[in-house]
Amino acid sequence: MTEHTSHPKIVARLKRANGHLASVIDMIEHGRPCTEIAQQMHAVEKAITNAKRALIHDHIDHCLDSAEPGDTTGFKEITRYL
């Protein structure tokens, strides 16, 4: 399996989400205000959503190029994750 040029950026986004998630857990364990926790959880969601979007766009741009004309299987498979 070859690495796509976008994968390092996607990994960076996921690492950022992982850091936000660790912060959320720490905040809950230390009794931080719910509004602050919700804000961090929102950051986790956004980071993961952006990483997923980048991965799907990359797949559409690069992996579907080799599909046979009229074959929409790969496109349909990936778009169910949108």
C-alpha atoms as a PDB file:
ATOM      1  CA  MET A   1       0.000   0.000   0.000  1.00  0.00           C
ATOM      2  CA  THR A   2       1.457   3.319  -1.007  1.00  0.00           C
ATOM      3  CA  GLU A   3       1.211   6.440   1.072  1.00  0.00           C
ATOM      4  CA  HIS A   4      -0.652   9.316  -0.472  1.00  0.00           C
ATOM      5  CA  THR A   5       0.902  12.754  -0.306  1.00  0.00           C
ATOM      6  CA  SER A   6      -2.022  13.919   1.834  1.00  0.00           C
ATOM      7  CA  HIS A   7      -1.545  11.216   4.472  1.00  0.00           C
ATOM      8  CA  PRO A   8       1.056  13.087   6.580  1.00  0.00           C
ATOM      9  CA  LYS A   9      -1.342  16.039   6.861  1.00  0.00           C
ATOM     10  CA  ILE A  10      -4.186  13.686   7.768  1.00  0.00           C
ATOM     11  CA  VAL A  11      -2.020  12.058  10.436  1.00  0.00           C
ATOM     12  CA  ALA A  12      -1.208  15.519  11.823  1.00  0.00           C
ATOM     13  CA  ARG A  13      -4.931  16.311  12.026  1.00  0.00           C
ATOM     14  CA  LEU A  14      -5.608  13.036  13.831  1.00  0.00           C
ATOM     15  CA  LYS A  15      -2.761  13.641  16.268  1.00  0.00           C
ATOM     16  CA  ARG A  16      -4.247  17.061  17.001  1.00  0.00           C
ATOM     17  CA  ALA A  17      -7.631  15.407  17.604  1.00  0.00           C
ATOM     18  CA  ASN A  18      -5.940  12.885  19.875  1.00  0.00           C
ATOM     19  CA  GLY A  19      -4.414  15.732  21.880  1.00  0.00           C
ATOM     20  CA  HIS A  20      -7.789  17.447  22.179  1.00  0.00           C
ATOM     21  CA  LEU A  21      -9.382  14.169  23.283  1.00  0.00           C
ATOM     22  CA  ALA A  22      -6.716  13.649  25.958  1.00  0.00           C
ATOM     23  CA  SER A  23      -7.466  17.201  27.146  1.00  0.00           C
ATOM     24  CA  VAL A  24     -11.174  16.414  27.357  1.00  0.00           C
ATOM     25  CA  ILE A  25     -10.530  13.353  29.491  1.00  0.00           C
ATOM     26  CA  ASP A  26      -8.200  15.326  31.763  1.00  0.00           C
ATOM     27  CA  MET A  27     -10.717  18.158  32.046  1.00  0.00           C
ATOM     28  CA  ILE A  28     -13.501  15.774  33.047  1.00  0.00           C
ATOM     29  CA  GLU A  29     -11.289  14.038  35.603  1.00  0.00           C
ATOM     30  CA  HIS A  30     -10.353  17.401  37.131  1.00  0.00           C
ATOM     31  CA  GLY A  31     -13.900  18.769  37.265  1.00  0.00           C
ATOM     32  CA  ARG A  32     -13.508  21.568  34.731  1.00  0.00           C
ATOM     33  CA  PRO A  33     -16.655  23.481  33.716  1.00  0.00           C
ATOM     34  CA  CYS A  34     -18.920  21.739  31.235  1.00  0.00           C
ATOM     35  CA  THR A  35     -18.756  24.638  28.781  1.00  0.00           C
ATOM     36  CA  GLU A  36     -14.962  24.278  28.557  1.00  0.00           C
ATOM     37  CA  ILE A  37     -15.280  20.515  28.127  1.00  0.00           C
ATOM     38  CA  ALA A  38     -17.900  20.968  25.395  1.00  0.00           C
ATOM     39  CA  GLN A  39     -15.601  23.405  23.598  1.00  0.00           C
ATOM     40  CA  GLN A  40     -12.760  20.860  23.609  1.00  0.00           C
ATOM     41  CA  MET A  41     -15.107  18.097  22.468  1.00  0.00           C
ATOM     42  CA  HIS A  42     -16.166  20.334  19.594  1.00  0.00           C
ATOM     43  CA  ALA A  43     -12.487  20.721  18.658  1.00  0.00           C
ATOM     44  CA  VAL A  44     -12.125  16.913  18.637  1.00  0.00           C
ATOM     45  CA  GLU A  45     -15.138  16.538  16.363  1.00  0.00           C
ATOM     46  CA  LYS A  46     -13.908  19.207  13.961  1.00  0.00           C
ATOM     47  CA  ALA A  47     -10.403  17.752  13.767  1.00  0.00           C
ATOM     48  CA  ILE A  48     -11.732  14.260  13.025  1.00  0.00           C
ATOM     49  CA  THR A  49     -14.301  15.562  10.529  1.00  0.00           C
ATOM     50  CA  ASN A  50     -11.611  17.524   8.692  1.00  0.00           C
ATOM     51  CA  ALA A  51      -9.276  14.525   8.634  1.00  0.00           C
ATOM     52  CA  LYS A  52     -12.041  12.285   7.283  1.00  0.00           C
ATOM     53  CA  ARG A  53     -12.979  14.842   4.647  1.00  0.00           C
ATOM     54  CA  ALA A  54      -9.348  15.157   3.523  1.00  0.00           C
ATOM     55  CA  LEU A  55      -9.021  11.363   3.293  1.00  0.00           C
ATOM     56  CA  ILE A  56     -12.214  11.009   1.251  1.00  0.00           C
ATOM     57  CA  HIS A  57     -11.263  13.851  -1.093  1.00  0.00           C
ATOM     58  CA  ASP A  58      -7.838  12.284  -1.578  1.00  0.00           C
ATOM     59  CA  HIS A  59      -9.443   8.938  -2.337  1.00  0.00           C
ATOM     60  CA  ILE A  60     -11.772  10.498  -4.890  1.00  0.00           C
ATOM     61  CA  ASP A  61      -8.923  12.445  -6.495  1.00  0.00           C
ATOM     62  CA  HIS A  62      -6.394   9.616  -6.667  1.00  0.00           C
ATOM     63  CA  CYS A  63      -7.822   6.172  -6.034  1.00  0.00           C
ATOM     64  CA  LEU A  64     -10.765   6.414  -8.381  1.00  0.00           C
ATOM     65  CA  ASP A  65      -8.620   7.467 -11.343  1.00  0.00           C
ATOM     66  CA  SER A  66      -7.898   3.821 -12.091  1.00  0.00           C
ATOM     67  CA  ALA A  67     -11.564   2.768 -12.052  1.00  0.00           C
ATOM     68  CA  GLU A  68     -13.173   1.599 -15.244  1.00  0.00           C
ATOM     69  CA  PRO A  69     -15.434   4.149 -16.930  1.00  0.00           C
ATOM     70  CA  GLY A  70     -18.950   3.794 -15.555  1.00  0.00           C
ATOM     71  CA  ASP A  71     -17.801   1.849 -12.484  1.00  0.00           C
ATOM     72  CA  THR A  72     -19.156   3.816  -9.523  1.00  0.00           C
ATOM     73  CA  THR A  73     -18.534   1.126  -6.899  1.00  0.00           C
ATOM     74  CA  GLY A  74     -15.491   2.799  -5.333  1.00  0.00           C
ATOM     75  CA  PHE A  75     -17.183   6.177  -5.294  1.00  0.00           C
ATOM     76  CA  LYS A  76     -20.323   4.815  -3.665  1.00  0.00           C
ATOM     77  CA  GLU A  77     -18.267   2.915  -1.084  1.00  0.00           C
ATOM     78  CA  ILE A  78     -16.307   5.963   0.065  1.00  0.00           C
ATOM     79  CA  THR A  79     -19.217   8.428   0.002  1.00  0.00           C
ATOM     80  CA  ARG A  80     -21.183   6.452   2.572  1.00  0.00           C
ATOM     81  CA  TYR A  81     -18.699   7.853   5.118  1.00  0.00           C
ATOM     82  CA  LEU A  82     -19.501  11.478   4.312  1.00  0.00           C
END
